[in-house]
Amino acid sequence: MVVAADWAITLAVRRAAGGPVRVTPEDVRVWAAENFLLDVPEDLAADVLTARLRLRGYG
């Protein structure tokens, strides 16, 4: 889950190109499903995403 959240954040930062970073738990769920074939519960994705955004200085 941490890897999925980090990749979703990284992709959002690249898309933002210096603007506000917008990433959702759904972005994490989609990345996990496409790359790990995992069906991640939304509440878990939201918790991990919140923690990773805070750790990386976006939250």
Protein backbone atom coordinates (compact mmCIF):
# COMPACT_ATOMS: atom_id res chain seq x y z
CA MET A 1 0.00 0.00 0.00
CA VAL A 2 2.82 2.40 0.78
CA VAL A 3 4.31 1.86 -2.68
CA ALA A 4 0.93 2.43 -4.33
CA ALA A 5 0.41 5.63 -2.34
CA ASP A 6 3.91 6.88 -3.12
CA TRP A 7 3.47 6.24 -6.84
CA ALA A 8 0.07 7.93 -6.88
CA ILE A 9 1.64 10.96 -5.19
CA THR A 10 4.62 10.95 -7.58
CA LEU A 11 2.34 10.86 -10.61
CA ALA A 12 0.17 13.64 -9.17
CA VAL A 13 3.26 15.80 -8.58
CA ARG A 14 4.36 15.27 -12.18
CA ARG A 15 0.88 16.16 -13.47
CA ALA A 16 0.75 19.26 -11.27
CA ALA A 17 3.93 20.72 -12.84
CA GLY A 18 4.48 23.10 -9.95
CA GLY A 19 0.81 23.62 -9.19
CA PRO A 20 -1.24 22.15 -6.38
CA VAL A 21 -0.85 18.39 -5.92
CA ARG A 22 -4.21 16.66 -6.19
CA VAL A 23 -4.30 12.95 -5.41
CA THR A 24 -7.21 10.88 -4.09
CA PRO A 25 -7.60 7.48 -2.44
CA GLU A 26 -9.11 6.33 -5.73
CA ASP A 27 -5.81 7.14 -7.47
CA VAL A 28 -4.06 4.86 -4.96
CA ARG A 29 -6.63 2.11 -5.49
CA VAL A 30 -6.29 2.30 -9.28
CA TRP A 31 -2.49 2.17 -9.13
CA ALA A 32 -2.59 -0.83 -6.77
CA ALA A 33 -5.10 -2.62 -9.00
CA GLU A 34 -3.14 -1.99 -12.19
CA ASN A 35 0.31 -2.81 -10.81
CA PHE A 36 -0.25 -5.30 -7.99
CA LEU A 37 -3.65 -6.72 -8.94
CA LEU A 38 -4.93 -5.72 -5.50
CA ASP A 39 -8.39 -4.56 -4.53
CA VAL A 40 -7.65 -2.11 -1.73
CA PRO A 41 -10.43 -0.88 0.58
CA GLU A 42 -10.97 2.85 0.20
CA ASP A 43 -10.57 3.59 3.92
CA LEU A 44 -7.17 1.87 3.96
CA ALA A 45 -6.09 3.75 0.83
CA ALA A 46 -7.20 7.03 2.41
CA ASP A 47 -5.31 6.36 5.66
CA VAL A 48 -2.08 5.40 3.92
CA LEU A 49 -2.36 8.28 1.45
CA THR A 50 -2.88 10.79 4.27
CA ALA A 51 0.15 9.49 6.14
CA ARG A 52 2.38 9.47 3.05
CA LEU A 53 1.29 12.98 1.99
CA ARG A 54 2.10 14.27 5.46
CA LEU A 55 5.48 12.50 5.48
CA ARG A 56 6.37 13.91 2.06
CA GLY A 57 5.37 17.44 3.09
CA TYR A 58 2.12 17.79 1.15
CA GLY A 59 -0.35 17.44 4.00
